[in-house]
N, C-alpha and C. Protein backbone atom coordinates (compact mmCIF):
# COMPACT_ATOMS: atom_id res chain seq x y z
N MET A 1 70.72 93.89 95.89
CA MET A 1 72.03 93.90 96.53
C MET A 1 72.05 95.00 97.59
N THR A 2 72.36 94.64 98.79
CA THR A 2 72.40 95.60 99.89
C THR A 2 73.85 96.01 100.12
N THR A 3 74.07 97.32 100.03
CA THR A 3 75.41 97.84 100.31
C THR A 3 75.35 98.65 101.59
N TYR A 4 76.22 98.37 102.50
CA TYR A 4 76.26 99.10 103.75
C TYR A 4 77.70 99.21 104.21
N ILE A 5 77.94 100.14 105.11
CA ILE A 5 79.28 100.39 105.63
C ILE A 5 79.29 99.90 107.08
N PHE A 6 80.30 99.17 107.42
CA PHE A 6 80.45 98.75 108.80
C PHE A 6 80.69 99.95 109.70
N PHE A 7 80.25 99.85 110.94
CA PHE A 7 80.38 100.96 111.88
C PHE A 7 81.84 101.37 112.05
N CYS A 8 82.73 100.41 112.12
CA CYS A 8 84.16 100.69 112.29
C CYS A 8 84.69 101.52 111.12
N ASP A 9 84.29 101.14 109.90
CA ASP A 9 84.75 101.88 108.72
C ASP A 9 84.17 103.29 108.69
N ALA A 10 82.90 103.42 109.06
CA ALA A 10 82.27 104.74 109.08
C ALA A 10 82.92 105.64 110.11
N LEU A 11 83.22 105.07 111.27
CA LEU A 11 83.87 105.84 112.32
C LEU A 11 85.26 106.29 111.89
N ARG A 12 85.98 105.41 111.19
CA ARG A 12 87.32 105.77 110.70
C ARG A 12 87.23 106.90 109.67
N MET A 13 86.24 106.84 108.77
CA MET A 13 86.08 107.90 107.77
C MET A 13 85.73 109.23 108.42
N LEU A 14 84.84 109.21 109.41
CA LEU A 14 84.48 110.45 110.09
C LEU A 14 85.66 111.02 110.86
N THR A 15 86.44 110.17 111.48
CA THR A 15 87.63 110.63 112.21
C THR A 15 88.63 111.26 111.26
N ASN A 16 88.86 110.62 110.13
CA ASN A 16 89.79 111.19 109.14
C ASN A 16 89.30 112.52 108.61
N ALA A 17 88.00 112.63 108.36
CA ALA A 17 87.45 113.89 107.86
C ALA A 17 87.59 114.99 108.91
N TYR A 18 87.35 114.65 110.17
CA TYR A 18 87.48 115.63 111.25
C TYR A 18 88.93 116.12 111.37
N LEU A 19 89.86 115.19 111.38
CA LEU A 19 91.27 115.58 111.50
C LEU A 19 91.73 116.40 110.31
N LEU A 20 91.27 116.04 109.12
CA LEU A 20 91.63 116.82 107.93
C LEU A 20 91.07 118.23 108.01
N SER A 21 89.84 118.37 108.50
CA SER A 21 89.25 119.70 108.61
C SER A 21 90.00 120.55 109.64
N VAL A 22 90.44 119.93 110.73
CA VAL A 22 91.22 120.67 111.74
C VAL A 22 92.52 121.17 111.14
N VAL A 23 93.20 120.32 110.38
CA VAL A 23 94.46 120.72 109.75
C VAL A 23 94.23 121.84 108.76
N LEU A 24 93.16 121.76 107.97
CA LEU A 24 92.87 122.80 106.99
C LEU A 24 92.53 124.13 107.66
N VAL A 25 91.79 124.10 108.76
CA VAL A 25 91.46 125.35 109.46
C VAL A 25 92.72 125.99 110.04
N ILE A 26 93.60 125.19 110.61
CA ILE A 26 94.85 125.73 111.17
C ILE A 26 95.71 126.33 110.06
N ALA A 27 95.80 125.64 108.92
CA ALA A 27 96.59 126.15 107.81
C ALA A 27 95.99 127.45 107.25
N ALA A 28 94.68 127.50 107.13
CA ALA A 28 94.03 128.69 106.60
C ALA A 28 94.20 129.88 107.54
N SER A 29 94.13 129.64 108.85
CA SER A 29 94.32 130.74 109.79
C SER A 29 95.76 131.23 109.76
N GLY A 30 96.70 130.31 109.60
CA GLY A 30 98.11 130.73 109.50
C GLY A 30 98.35 131.57 108.26
N ILE A 31 97.77 131.17 107.14
CA ILE A 31 97.92 131.94 105.91
C ILE A 31 97.26 133.30 106.05
N GLY A 32 96.06 133.31 106.66
CA GLY A 32 95.36 134.58 106.86
C GLY A 32 96.14 135.54 107.74
N LEU A 33 96.72 135.01 108.82
CA LEU A 33 97.52 135.87 109.69
C LEU A 33 98.76 136.39 108.97
N ALA A 34 99.37 135.57 108.13
CA ALA A 34 100.54 136.02 107.37
C ALA A 34 100.16 137.13 106.40
N VAL A 35 99.01 136.99 105.77
CA VAL A 35 98.55 138.03 104.83
C VAL A 35 98.27 139.33 105.57
N ILE A 36 97.60 139.25 106.72
CA ILE A 36 97.29 140.46 107.49
C ILE A 36 98.57 141.14 107.96
N GLU A 37 99.54 140.34 108.42
CA GLU A 37 100.80 140.91 108.88
C GLU A 37 101.53 141.61 107.73
N THR A 38 101.50 141.01 106.56
CA THR A 38 102.15 141.62 105.39
C THR A 38 101.46 142.92 105.01
N MET A 39 100.12 142.93 105.08
CA MET A 39 99.40 144.16 104.75
C MET A 39 99.71 145.26 105.75
N GLU A 40 99.85 144.91 107.02
CA GLU A 40 100.17 145.93 108.01
C GLU A 40 101.57 146.48 107.83
N LYS A 41 102.51 145.62 107.46
CA LYS A 41 103.89 146.09 107.26
C LYS A 41 103.99 147.01 106.05
N THR A 42 103.26 146.71 104.97
CA THR A 42 103.34 147.54 103.78
C THR A 42 102.58 148.84 103.96
N GLY A 43 101.62 148.86 104.89
CA GLY A 43 100.83 150.08 105.12
C GLY A 43 101.59 151.15 105.88
N GLU A 44 102.65 150.79 106.56
CA GLU A 44 103.38 151.77 107.36
C GLU A 44 104.27 152.65 106.54
């Protein structure tokens, strides 16, 4: 039995993974900046 993925489906999966990674990086940077800002405020 040969199992394969159509090009269209593979492209859709890669696109979804790319967009998800972009969203996660933006969210992580926002959280990191919030943590750094909080640390700077408490240090004063």
